[in-house]
Amino acid sequence: MIAHSTTEPSQETISLVRLSPTEWRVSDPRVSVHDAASLLGFIEARGGVFEVTLLKSGVASRTVHSLDDALSLFASNHDSGRVSPSVRGSSRTATQ
């Protein structure tokens, strides 16, 4: 059985998997890995910024200055309808 989550993920429920030294896959671990709905998007470090690809309803791209800010784009409290780039300034080191 493939089950979709009925609520949007929060920053605490997002799964971040390192694909390379500069790339991460972002998914919702509450949804079966066999369900395409579990894939939320990708993050790529490029120079001093992080490029985020969001796969919620269509494909959207944003650029931010930290991994924390990139992850916040996937959280339920973020306004995912915005299309202009968001640039903020804290930092985080990914360990996975």
Protein backbone atom coordinates (compact mmCIF):
# COMPACT_ATOMS: atom_id res chain seq x y z
CA MET A 1 0.00 0.00 0.00
CA ILE A 2 1.29 3.45 -0.92
CA ALA A 3 0.19 6.19 1.45
CA HIS A 4 0.42 9.93 1.03
CA SER A 5 0.90 12.21 4.01
CA THR A 6 -2.09 14.43 4.68
CA THR A 7 -0.09 17.29 6.18
CA GLU A 8 2.80 19.30 4.84
CA PRO A 9 6.24 18.45 6.26
CA SER A 10 7.84 20.65 8.88
CA GLN A 11 11.56 21.37 8.94
CA GLU A 12 11.85 18.73 11.69
CA THR A 13 10.24 15.99 9.55
CA ILE A 14 12.24 16.58 6.36
CA SER A 15 14.80 13.95 5.36
CA LEU A 16 18.04 15.25 3.85
CA VAL A 17 20.22 12.71 2.02
CA ARG A 18 23.64 13.70 0.72
CA LEU A 19 24.08 12.60 -2.90
CA SER A 20 27.51 14.19 -3.36
CA PRO A 21 29.65 16.74 -1.50
CA THR A 22 27.48 19.52 -3.00
CA GLU A 23 24.07 17.90 -3.61
CA TRP A 24 21.22 16.69 -1.38
CA ARG A 25 17.87 14.99 -1.98
CA VAL A 26 15.02 16.26 0.19
CA SER A 27 12.14 13.93 0.97
CA ASP A 28 9.24 13.42 3.35
CA PRO A 29 9.98 10.26 5.38
CA ARG A 30 6.31 10.05 6.41
CA VAL A 31 5.52 8.96 2.84
CA SER A 32 6.62 5.58 1.46
CA VAL A 33 9.90 5.74 -0.48
CA HIS A 34 8.04 3.89 -3.24
CA ASP A 35 5.67 6.83 -3.63
CA ALA A 36 6.85 9.70 -5.84
CA ALA A 37 5.12 12.12 -3.44
CA SER A 38 7.90 11.47 -0.92
CA LEU A 39 10.38 13.43 -3.10
CA LEU A 40 10.18 17.12 -2.21
CA GLY A 41 13.15 18.38 -4.23
CA PHE A 42 16.90 18.88 -4.37
CA ILE A 43 19.51 21.28 -2.97
CA GLU A 44 22.81 22.06 -4.67
CA ALA A 45 25.67 24.13 -3.20
CA ARG A 46 27.14 26.39 -5.89
CA GLY A 47 29.81 28.82 -4.82
CA GLY A 48 28.51 30.72 -1.80
CA VAL A 49 24.82 29.96 -2.37
CA PHE A 50 22.44 27.02 -2.33
CA GLU A 51 20.19 26.43 -5.33
CA VAL A 52 16.92 24.76 -4.37
CA THR A 53 14.61 22.86 -6.71
CA LEU A 54 11.12 22.47 -5.23
CA LEU A 55 8.85 19.75 -6.62
CA LYS A 56 5.56 20.54 -4.87
CA SER A 57 3.13 21.59 -7.58
CA GLY A 58 5.28 21.88 -10.64
CA VAL A 59 8.95 22.82 -10.46
CA ALA A 60 10.21 26.00 -8.81
CA SER A 61 13.75 27.21 -8.13
CA ARG A 62 15.07 29.45 -5.39
CA THR A 63 18.52 30.62 -4.31
CA VAL A 64 19.44 31.06 -0.62
CA HIS A 65 22.62 31.63 1.39
CA SER A 66 22.47 28.67 3.79
CA LEU A 67 21.43 25.05 4.02
CA ASP A 68 19.03 25.95 6.86
CA ASP A 69 17.31 28.47 4.62
CA ALA A 70 17.15 25.89 1.83
CA LEU A 71 15.48 23.39 4.16
CA SER A 72 13.00 26.00 5.38
CA LEU A 73 11.69 26.29 1.81
CA PHE A 74 10.35 22.74 2.13
CA ALA A 75 8.65 23.31 5.50
CA SER A 76 4.91 23.76 5.80
CA ASN A 77 5.16 27.25 7.29
CA HIS A 78 6.88 28.62 4.18
CA ASP A 79 4.92 30.44 1.48
CA SER A 80 5.68 28.10 -1.43
CA GLY A 81 3.64 30.22 -3.83
CA ARG A 82 6.34 32.86 -4.11
CA VAL A 83 8.36 32.75 -7.31
CA SER A 84 10.99 35.38 -6.61
CA PRO A 85 14.34 34.23 -5.20
CA SER A 86 14.69 34.32 -1.43
CA VAL A 87 18.06 35.26 0.00
CA ARG A 88 18.84 35.05 3.71
CA GLY A 89 21.96 34.67 5.82
CA SER A 90 22.47 31.95 8.51
CA SER A 91 24.60 28.84 8.00
CA ARG A 92 24.55 25.11 8.68
CA THR A 93 26.84 22.17 7.97
CA ALA A 94 25.17 19.01 6.67
CA THR A 95 26.46 15.83 8.26
CA GLN A 96 24.74 13.26 6.11
